[in-house]
Amino acid sequence: GGCVGDCDKTDIGFKLYGGYMFTPYLGAEIGYGAFGKAKIGVPVAGTSVNAELKSSGFSGFLTAQYPIENWAIFGKIGFAYLDNEVSVTVPGFGAANGSDSSTEFAWGFGATYMFNKNLGLRGEYENYDYDYRGESDSITMWSVSIQYKF
């Protein structure tokens, strides 16, 4: 998406996920993520209108991985149900809030390194589409996580 004025679309988010491998190559995972806030400042008539978008929600993916010794390279496709909250502040006039939720396509890829059969480190890139009242964009997330296999 384009930006008018000041844009800060970078923030810290978190996610929790769990999955199951049906075969060494194919599996599924579900997760919950909170993606932080995107902040936008738009100059209007000598003042600055500030907007914040906060997204969080649930995702479900089909995963495919290719193991090589202690490593596994993986890709995933699925859907995410995101709840998008927008708050707009106009100095001197107050604030307005709105929320919208939608289920949209999501995908990702990454690699896992297993230190032993239970504990590993996973790095990945994910892309979530979202739709807020007809405005579409995407949220991207780079993450590093600890993975525990039972």
Protein backbone atom coordinates (compact mmCIF):
# COMPACT_ATOMS: atom_id res chain seq x y z
CA GLY A 1 0.00 0.00 0.00
CA GLY A 2 1.11 3.57 -0.66
CA CYS A 3 1.63 6.14 2.06
CA VAL A 4 0.84 9.82 2.31
CA GLY A 5 2.76 11.65 5.03
CA ASP A 6 4.60 9.72 7.75
CA CYS A 7 4.49 5.96 7.78
CA ASP A 8 5.71 3.48 10.34
CA LYS A 9 4.57 0.04 9.29
CA THR A 10 7.16 -1.80 11.36
CA ASP A 11 6.43 -3.16 14.82
CA ILE A 12 7.05 -6.17 17.03
CA GLY A 13 4.49 -8.95 17.01
CA PHE A 14 4.23 -12.42 18.47
CA LYS A 15 2.71 -15.75 17.58
CA LEU A 16 1.98 -19.13 19.09
CA TYR A 17 1.56 -22.14 16.86
CA GLY A 18 1.23 -25.89 16.95
CA GLY A 19 1.34 -28.45 14.21
CA TYR A 20 1.28 -32.08 13.24
CA MET A 21 3.30 -33.86 10.54
CA PHE A 22 1.22 -36.57 8.82
CA THR A 23 4.31 -37.79 6.94
CA PRO A 24 7.95 -36.58 7.09
CA TYR A 25 7.03 -34.19 4.24
CA LEU A 26 3.43 -33.06 4.81
CA GLY A 27 1.73 -31.54 7.81
CA ALA A 28 -0.63 -28.89 9.12
CA GLU A 29 -0.35 -26.14 11.67
CA ILE A 30 -2.62 -23.69 13.42
CA GLY A 31 -1.59 -20.52 15.19
CA TYR A 32 -2.56 -17.26 16.78
CA GLY A 33 -0.65 -14.07 16.08
CA ALA A 34 -0.72 -10.44 17.10
CA PHE A 35 1.06 -8.34 14.50
CA GLY A 36 1.64 -5.09 16.37
CA LYS A 37 0.56 -1.69 15.06
CA ALA A 38 1.04 0.19 11.83
CA LYS A 39 1.02 3.95 12.37
CA ILE A 40 0.25 6.52 9.71
CA GLY A 41 0.32 10.32 10.03
CA VAL A 42 -1.38 12.32 7.27
CA PRO A 43 -1.06 16.11 7.12
CA VAL A 44 -4.53 17.67 6.68
CA ALA A 45 -5.20 21.41 6.75
CA GLY A 46 -2.19 22.31 8.88
CA THR A 47 -2.62 19.50 11.42
CA SER A 48 -1.70 15.83 11.44
CA VAL A 49 -4.34 13.09 11.31
CA ASN A 50 -2.98 9.95 12.96
CA ALA A 51 -4.20 6.45 12.24
CA GLU A 52 -3.23 3.13 13.77
CA LEU A 53 -4.02 -0.31 12.41
CA LYS A 54 -3.76 -3.25 14.79
CA SER A 55 -4.23 -6.79 13.48
CA SER A 56 -4.48 -10.10 15.28
CA GLY A 57 -6.07 -13.44 14.61
CA PHE A 58 -5.95 -17.12 13.89
CA SER A 59 -4.34 -18.95 11.00
CA GLY A 60 -4.37 -22.45 9.59
CA PHE A 61 -1.79 -23.79 7.12
CA LEU A 62 -0.94 -26.89 5.17
CA THR A 63 2.83 -27.33 5.40
CA ALA A 64 5.32 -29.14 3.20
CA GLN A 65 8.92 -29.66 4.28
CA TYR A 66 12.08 -31.19 2.94
CA PRO A 67 14.43 -32.52 5.66
CA ILE A 68 18.22 -32.48 5.10
CA GLU A 69 20.14 -33.88 8.10
CA ASN A 70 19.36 -31.53 11.04
CA TRP A 71 17.73 -28.97 8.75
CA ALA A 72 14.28 -28.77 7.20
CA ILE A 73 13.20 -26.28 4.55
CA PHE A 74 9.46 -25.66 4.52
CA GLY A 75 6.68 -23.79 2.79
CA LYS A 76 3.08 -23.29 3.85
CA ILE A 77 -0.18 -22.02 2.42
CA GLY A 78 -3.46 -21.41 4.16
CA PHE A 79 -5.89 -18.86 5.48
CA ALA A 80 -5.94 -16.37 8.32
CA TYR A 81 -8.95 -14.94 10.10
CA LEU A 82 -7.77 -11.47 11.11
CA ASP A 83 -9.46 -8.93 13.30
CA ASN A 84 -8.36 -5.45 12.18
CA GLU A 85 -8.86 -2.49 14.48
CA VAL A 86 -8.34 1.03 13.24
CA SER A 87 -8.23 4.14 15.41
CA VAL A 88 -8.02 7.59 13.89
CA THR A 89 -7.11 10.68 15.93
CA VAL A 90 -7.71 14.23 14.69
CA PRO A 91 -6.13 16.85 16.99
CA GLY A 92 -8.83 19.17 18.30
CA PHE A 93 -11.67 16.88 17.18
CA GLY A 94 -11.11 13.61 19.03
CA ALA A 95 -10.80 10.01 17.96
CA ALA A 96 -12.78 7.43 16.05
CA ASN A 97 -12.46 3.65 16.19
CA GLY A 98 -13.56 0.96 13.83
CA SER A 99 -13.00 -2.73 13.43
CA ASP A 100 -13.47 -5.25 10.71
CA SER A 101 -12.55 -8.88 10.30
CA SER A 102 -11.96 -11.00 7.25
CA THR A 103 -10.62 -14.39 6.25
CA GLU A 104 -7.88 -14.07 3.66
CA PHE A 105 -5.15 -16.06 1.97
CA ALA A 106 -1.80 -16.46 3.77
CA TRP A 107 1.52 -18.12 2.94
CA GLY A 108 5.03 -18.47 4.25
CA PHE A 109 8.36 -20.25 4.00
CA GLY A 110 11.39 -20.84 6.17
CA ALA A 111 13.85 -23.28 7.66
CA THR A 112 14.18 -25.21 10.90
CA TYR A 113 17.41 -26.40 12.53
CA MET A 114 17.03 -29.15 15.13
CA PHE A 115 19.67 -29.21 17.91
CA ASN A 116 18.43 -32.66 18.93
CA LYS A 117 15.26 -34.70 18.27
CA ASN A 118 13.11 -32.39 20.42
CA LEU A 119 14.51 -28.86 20.34
CA GLY A 120 15.02 -26.63 17.33
CA LEU A 121 15.21 -23.10 16.01
CA ARG A 122 12.86 -21.92 13.26
CA GLY A 123 13.18 -18.85 11.08
CA GLU A 124 10.40 -17.86 8.71
CA TYR A 125 8.75 -15.26 6.52
CA GLU A 126 4.96 -15.01 6.42
CA ASN A 127 2.60 -12.94 4.30
CA TYR A 128 -1.00 -12.32 5.39
CA ASP A 129 -3.50 -10.54 3.17
CA TYR A 130 -6.07 -8.39 4.93
CA ASP A 131 -9.11 -6.46 3.90
CA TYR A 132 -10.43 -3.48 5.85
CA ARG A 133 -13.69 -2.07 4.51
CA GLY A 134 -12.66 -2.70 0.93
CA GLU A 135 -9.02 -1.58 1.37
CA SER A 136 -6.68 -4.51 0.79
CA ASP A 137 -3.06 -4.78 1.79
CA SER A 138 -0.78 -7.37 3.30
CA ILE A 139 1.08 -7.84 6.56
CA THR A 140 4.49 -9.46 6.38
CA MET A 141 6.22 -11.00 9.36
CA TRP A 142 9.79 -12.21 9.78
CA SER A 143 10.17 -14.37 12.85
CA VAL A 144 12.59 -16.56 14.73
CA SER A 145 11.13 -19.05 17.17
CA ILE A 146 12.03 -21.99 19.37
CA GLN A 147 10.40 -25.20 18.24
CA TYR A 148 9.73 -28.18 20.51
CA LYS A 149 8.78 -31.58 19.09
CA PHE A 150 6.96 -34.12 21.23
